[in-house]
Amino acid sequence: MTLKVLVADDHLVNRLMLQTLFENLGCSVVTVTNGRDALDLDQAFDLICVDRHMPLMGGEELAGRLGPDAFVVACTSHPADLAGAFKMVIEKPIDSHAIAAVVVAARTWRLTKCLASLSAGEILRERHRICALARAHPQVGASMTEAVHMAAVAAARTWRVGASQGRPL
């Protein structure tokens, strides 16, 4: 399962760097230059990475319009006064380990939200991807390791329920 990422940033260099970093971690990336263009896209994204200050519509307004069901991450050099609409923050200058931590968190978040619709094989493969990414980037921190563990526990419960109901695992 490829993580679908939207990057909204008005600076070309930031867009290209974020796109490259996310793609190097196996993500599919679409980029736009402002929040209004992001809202105009008729696609679902697993992760939305936004700059706080963009023309037409900034990241905080975009995050507010997308609501709590979207995994929106702020990418900013001024994280101190962020609104609560963001799941995480990537601090500028951008660091590849911060991107890896965001990808691990987004994959874990998606896995826990989609457990009921995934087969056991898909859950196992996604859990393997998450754990491999976390091991490759130890700087993602203990909180990400705990999130992966919680997703694995939830997945194990789902497998046991499915097995007891005779569903193919």
C-alpha atoms as a PDB file:
ATOM      1  CA  MET A   1       0.000   0.000   0.000  1.00  0.00           C
ATOM      2  CA  THR A   2       1.611   3.179  -1.178  1.00  0.00           C
ATOM      3  CA  LEU A   3       1.160   6.194   1.035  1.00  0.00           C
ATOM      4  CA  LYS A   4      -0.452   8.998  -0.985  1.00  0.00           C
ATOM      5  CA  VAL A   5       1.031  12.354   0.019  1.00  0.00           C
ATOM      6  CA  LEU A   6      -0.016  15.887  -0.872  1.00  0.00           C
ATOM      7  CA  VAL A   7       2.609  18.605  -0.444  1.00  0.00           C
ATOM      8  CA  ALA A   8       1.320  22.191  -0.412  1.00  0.00           C
ATOM      9  CA  ASP A   9       4.099  24.791  -0.366  1.00  0.00           C
ATOM     10  CA  ASP A  10       4.553  28.012  -2.310  1.00  0.00           C
ATOM     11  CA  HIS A  11       8.345  27.648  -2.586  1.00  0.00           C
ATOM     12  CA  LEU A  12       9.551  25.452  -5.441  1.00  0.00           C
ATOM     13  CA  VAL A  13      12.690  24.287  -3.628  1.00  0.00           C
ATOM     14  CA  ASN A  14      10.683  23.161  -0.580  1.00  0.00           C
ATOM     15  CA  ARG A  15       8.161  21.334  -2.791  1.00  0.00           C
ATOM     16  CA  LEU A  16      10.923  19.527  -4.686  1.00  0.00           C
ATOM     17  CA  MET A  17      12.810  18.610  -1.524  1.00  0.00           C
ATOM     18  CA  LEU A  18       9.696  17.299   0.222  1.00  0.00           C
ATOM     19  CA  GLN A  19       8.610  15.435  -2.888  1.00  0.00           C
ATOM     20  CA  THR A  20      12.019  13.776  -3.207  1.00  0.00           C
ATOM     21  CA  LEU A  21      12.207  12.843   0.487  1.00  0.00           C
ATOM     22  CA  PHE A  22       8.702  11.362   0.516  1.00  0.00           C
ATOM     23  CA  GLU A  23       9.285   9.487  -2.762  1.00  0.00           C
ATOM     24  CA  ASN A  24      12.559   8.066  -1.396  1.00  0.00           C
ATOM     25  CA  LEU A  25      10.446   6.550   1.387  1.00  0.00           C
ATOM     26  CA  GLY A  26       8.107   4.890  -1.119  1.00  0.00           C
ATOM     27  CA  CYS A  27       5.326   7.470  -1.164  1.00  0.00           C
ATOM     28  CA  SER A  28       3.331   8.717  -4.128  1.00  0.00           C
ATOM     29  CA  VAL A  29       3.420  12.539  -4.102  1.00  0.00           C
ATOM     30  CA  VAL A  30       1.297  15.317  -5.604  1.00  0.00           C
ATOM     31  CA  THR A  31       2.368  18.940  -5.120  1.00  0.00           C
ATOM     32  CA  VAL A  32       0.455  22.229  -5.180  1.00  0.00           C
ATOM     33  CA  THR A  33       1.445  25.832  -4.473  1.00  0.00           C
ATOM     34  CA  ASN A  34      -1.328  26.863  -2.059  1.00  0.00           C
ATOM     35  CA  GLY A  35      -4.184  25.647   0.104  1.00  0.00           C
ATOM     36  CA  ARG A  36      -6.888  26.581  -2.367  1.00  0.00           C
ATOM     37  CA  ASP A  37      -5.338  24.345  -5.046  1.00  0.00           C
ATOM     38  CA  ALA A  38      -5.130  21.564  -2.451  1.00  0.00           C
ATOM     39  CA  LEU A  39      -8.857  21.830  -1.744  1.00  0.00           C
ATOM     40  CA  ASP A  40      -9.618  21.794  -5.471  1.00  0.00           C
ATOM     41  CA  LEU A  41      -8.000  18.375  -5.929  1.00  0.00           C
ATOM     42  CA  ASP A  42     -10.523  15.575  -6.213  1.00  0.00           C
ATOM     43  CA  GLN A  43      -8.316  12.935  -4.572  1.00  0.00           C
ATOM     44  CA  ALA A  44      -7.931  11.329  -1.176  1.00  0.00           C
ATOM     45  CA  PHE A  45      -4.540  11.576   0.523  1.00  0.00           C
ATOM     46  CA  ASP A  46      -3.100   9.617   3.440  1.00  0.00           C
ATOM     47  CA  LEU A  47      -0.819  12.492   4.445  1.00  0.00           C
ATOM     48  CA  ILE A  48      -1.057  16.210   3.713  1.00  0.00           C
ATOM     49  CA  CYS A  49       2.090  18.231   4.344  1.00  0.00           C
ATOM     50  CA  VAL A  50       1.451  21.987   4.324  1.00  0.00           C
ATOM     51  CA  ASP A  51       3.449  25.163   4.662  1.00  0.00           C
ATOM     52  CA  ARG A  52       1.859  27.550   7.140  1.00  0.00           C
ATOM     53  CA  HIS A  53       2.259  30.678   5.037  1.00  0.00           C
ATOM     54  CA  MET A  54       1.085  30.428   1.416  1.00  0.00           C
ATOM     55  CA  PRO A  55      -0.772  32.827  -0.873  1.00  0.00           C
ATOM     56  CA  LEU A  56      -4.551  32.454  -1.311  1.00  0.00           C
ATOM     57  CA  MET A  57      -4.894  29.997   1.600  1.00  0.00           C
ATOM     58  CA  GLY A  58      -2.337  29.080   4.250  1.00  0.00           C
ATOM     59  CA  GLY A  59      -1.749  25.772   5.932  1.00  0.00           C
ATOM     60  CA  GLU A  60      -3.708  26.486   9.105  1.00  0.00           C
ATOM     61  CA  GLU A  61      -6.849  27.440   7.195  1.00  0.00           C
ATOM     62  CA  LEU A  62      -6.440  24.390   4.948  1.00  0.00           C
ATOM     63  CA  ALA A  63      -6.011  22.070   7.941  1.00  0.00           C
ATOM     64  CA  GLY A  64      -9.118  23.542   9.548  1.00  0.00           C
ATOM     65  CA  ARG A  65     -11.170  22.969   6.404  1.00  0.00           C
ATOM     66  CA  LEU A  66      -9.940  19.378   6.007  1.00  0.00           C
ATOM     67  CA  GLY A  67     -11.001  18.501   9.551  1.00  0.00           C
ATOM     68  CA  PRO A  68      -9.802  15.944  12.100  1.00  0.00           C
ATOM     69  CA  ASP A  69     -10.075  12.924   9.790  1.00  0.00           C
ATOM     70  CA  ALA A  70      -7.179  14.153   7.644  1.00  0.00           C
ATOM     71  CA  PHE A  71      -3.555  13.504   8.633  1.00  0.00           C
ATOM     72  CA  VAL A  72      -2.282  17.058   8.159  1.00  0.00           C
ATOM     73  CA  VAL A  73       1.311  17.941   9.036  1.00  0.00           C
ATOM     74  CA  ALA A  74       2.639  21.487   9.321  1.00  0.00           C
ATOM     75  CA  CYS A  75       5.964  22.255   7.693  1.00  0.00           C
ATOM     76  CA  THR A  76       7.220  25.477   9.233  1.00  0.00           C
ATOM     77  CA  SER A  77      10.164  27.356  10.658  1.00  0.00           C
ATOM     78  CA  HIS A  78       7.869  28.846  13.356  1.00  0.00           C
ATOM     79  CA  PRO A  79       6.196  25.926  15.177  1.00  0.00           C
ATOM     80  CA  ALA A  80       5.634  27.688  18.513  1.00  0.00           C
ATOM     81  CA  ASP A  81       2.138  29.091  17.934  1.00  0.00           C
ATOM     82  CA  LEU A  82       0.527  26.407  15.771  1.00  0.00           C
ATOM     83  CA  ALA A  83      -3.185  25.743  15.876  1.00  0.00           C
ATOM     84  CA  GLY A  84      -4.393  22.330  17.001  1.00  0.00           C
ATOM     85  CA  ALA A  85      -5.464  21.116  13.550  1.00  0.00           C
ATOM     86  CA  PHE A  86      -2.109  19.443  12.819  1.00  0.00           C
ATOM     87  CA  LYS A  87      -1.208  15.857  13.717  1.00  0.00           C
ATOM     88  CA  MET A  88       2.547  16.588  13.624  1.00  0.00           C
ATOM     89  CA  VAL A  89       5.074  19.285  12.761  1.00  0.00           C
ATOM     90  CA  ILE A  90       8.081  19.158  10.450  1.00  0.00           C
ATOM     91  CA  GLU A  91      10.419  21.940  11.463  1.00  0.00           C
ATOM     92  CA  LYS A  92      12.388  23.781   8.796  1.00  0.00           C
ATOM     93  CA  PRO A  93      15.136  23.301   7.804  1.00  0.00           C
ATOM     94  CA  ILE A  94      13.722  19.969   6.704  1.00  0.00           C
ATOM     95  CA  ASP A  95      15.434  16.838   7.989  1.00  0.00           C
ATOM     96  CA  SER A  96      15.072  13.404   6.358  1.00  0.00           C
ATOM     97  CA  HIS A  97      14.568  11.754   9.763  1.00  0.00           C
ATOM     98  CA  ALA A  98      11.654  14.078  10.487  1.00  0.00           C
ATOM     99  CA  ILE A  99      10.089  13.036   7.187  1.00  0.00           C
ATOM    100  CA  ALA A 100      10.609   9.359   8.107  1.00  0.00           C
ATOM    101  CA  ALA A 101       8.922   9.935  11.474  1.00  0.00           C
ATOM    102  CA  VAL A 102       5.951  11.560   9.749  1.00  0.00           C
ATOM    103  CA  VAL A 103       5.668   8.679   7.273  1.00  0.00           C
ATOM    104  CA  VAL A 104       5.781   6.124  10.115  1.00  0.00           C
ATOM    105  CA  ALA A 105       3.100   8.049  12.009  1.00  0.00           C
ATOM    106  CA  ALA A 106       0.881   8.449   8.924  1.00  0.00           C
ATOM    107  CA  ARG A 107       1.190   4.756   8.020  1.00  0.00           C
ATOM    108  CA  THR A 108       0.382   3.753  11.598  1.00  0.00           C
ATOM    109  CA  TRP A 109      -2.558   6.156  11.739  1.00  0.00           C
ATOM    110  CA  ARG A 110      -3.900   4.830   8.422  1.00  0.00           C
ATOM    111  CA  LEU A 111      -3.425   1.228   9.534  1.00  0.00           C
ATOM    112  CA  THR A 112      -5.397   1.735  12.736  1.00  0.00           C
ATOM    113  CA  LYS A 113      -8.185   3.560  10.863  1.00  0.00           C
ATOM    114  CA  CYS A 114      -8.461   0.893   8.142  1.00  0.00           C
ATOM    115  CA  LEU A 115      -8.074  -2.363  10.093  1.00  0.00           C
ATOM    116  CA  ALA A 116     -11.609  -3.549   9.429  1.00  0.00           C
ATOM    117  CA  SER A 117     -11.261  -3.207   5.659  1.00  0.00           C
ATOM    118  CA  LEU A 118      -7.844  -4.868   5.272  1.00  0.00           C
ATOM    119  CA  SER A 119      -6.992  -8.526   4.982  1.00  0.00           C
ATOM    120  CA  ALA A 120      -4.573 -10.021   7.483  1.00  0.00           C
ATOM    121  CA  GLY A 121      -1.942 -10.247   4.740  1.00  0.00           C
ATOM    122  CA  GLU A 122      -2.280  -6.544   3.967  1.00  0.00           C
ATOM    123  CA  ILE A 123      -2.053  -5.700   7.657  1.00  0.00           C
ATOM    124  CA  LEU A 124       1.071  -7.834   8.037  1.00  0.00           C
ATOM    125  CA  ARG A 125       2.738  -6.254   5.005  1.00  0.00           C
ATOM    126  CA  GLU A 126       1.918  -2.732   6.181  1.00  0.00           C
ATOM    127  CA  ARG A 127       3.124  -3.481   9.723  1.00  0.00           C
ATOM    128  CA  HIS A 128       6.355  -4.850   8.227  1.00  0.00           C
ATOM    129  CA  ARG A 129       6.829  -1.637   6.187  1.00  0.00           C
ATOM    130  CA  ILE A 130       6.213   0.526   9.247  1.00  0.00           C
ATOM    131  CA  CYS A 131       8.640  -1.443  11.427  1.00  0.00           C
ATOM    132  CA  ALA A 132      11.323  -1.505   8.712  1.00  0.00           C
ATOM    133  CA  LEU A 133      11.036   2.249   8.255  1.00  0.00           C
ATOM    134  CA  ALA A 134      11.231   2.837  12.018  1.00  0.00           C
ATOM    135  CA  ARG A 135      14.320   0.593  12.266  1.00  0.00           C
ATOM    136  CA  ALA A 136      15.998   2.355   9.330  1.00  0.00           C
ATOM    137  CA  HIS A 137      15.474   5.728  11.016  1.00  0.00           C
ATOM    138  CA  PRO A 138      16.049   5.240  14.764  1.00  0.00           C
ATOM    139  CA  GLN A 139      15.657   8.975  15.253  1.00  0.00           C
ATOM    140  CA  VAL A 140      11.884   8.624  14.805  1.00  0.00           C
ATOM    141  CA  GLY A 141      11.767   8.196  18.562  1.00  0.00           C
ATOM    142  CA  ALA A 142      10.092   6.042  21.141  1.00  0.00           C
ATOM    143  CA  SER A 143       6.647   7.514  20.531  1.00  0.00           C
ATOM    144  CA  MET A 144       6.657   6.173  16.972  1.00  0.00           C
ATOM    145  CA  THR A 145       7.803   2.759  18.173  1.00  0.00           C
ATOM    146  CA  GLU A 146       4.925   2.779  20.657  1.00  0.00           C
ATOM    147  CA  ALA A 147       2.486   3.757  17.892  1.00  0.00           C
ATOM    148  CA  VAL A 148       3.681   0.848  15.757  1.00  0.00           C
ATOM    149  CA  HIS A 149       3.272  -1.481  18.730  1.00  0.00           C
ATOM    150  CA  MET A 150      -0.297  -0.229  19.317  1.00  0.00           C
ATOM    151  CA  ALA A 151      -1.153  -0.793  15.651  1.00  0.00           C
ATOM    152  CA  ALA A 152       0.279  -4.321  15.847  1.00  0.00           C
ATOM    153  CA  VAL A 153      -1.811  -5.081  18.966  1.00  0.00           C
ATOM    154  CA  ALA A 154      -4.946  -3.791  17.240  1.00  0.00           C
ATOM    155  CA  ALA A 155      -4.110  -5.849  14.146  1.00  0.00           C
ATOM    156  CA  ALA A 156      -3.584  -8.989  16.250  1.00  0.00           C
ATOM    157  CA  ARG A 157      -7.018  -8.504  17.838  1.00  0.00           C
ATOM    158  CA  THR A 158      -8.542  -8.153  14.376  1.00  0.00           C
ATOM    159  CA  TRP A 159      -6.865 -11.355  13.177  1.00  0.00           C
ATOM    160  CA  ARG A 160      -8.127 -13.311  16.199  1.00  0.00           C
ATOM    161  CA  VAL A 161     -11.675 -12.056  15.653  1.00  0.00           C
ATOM    162  CA  GLY A 162     -11.475 -12.877  11.945  1.00  0.00           C
ATOM    163  CA  ALA A 163     -10.129 -16.364  12.632  1.00  0.00           C
ATOM    164  CA  SER A 164     -12.852 -17.068  15.173  1.00  0.00           C
ATOM    165  CA  GLN A 165     -15.496 -16.040  12.625  1.00  0.00           C
ATOM    166  CA  GLY A 166     -14.040 -18.293   9.939  1.00  0.00           C
ATOM    167  CA  ARG A 167     -12.840 -15.459   7.719  1.00  0.00           C
ATOM    168  CA  PRO A 168      -9.799 -16.242   5.585  1.00  0.00           C
ATOM    169  CA  LEU A 169      -6.672 -14.718   7.017  1.00  0.00           C
END
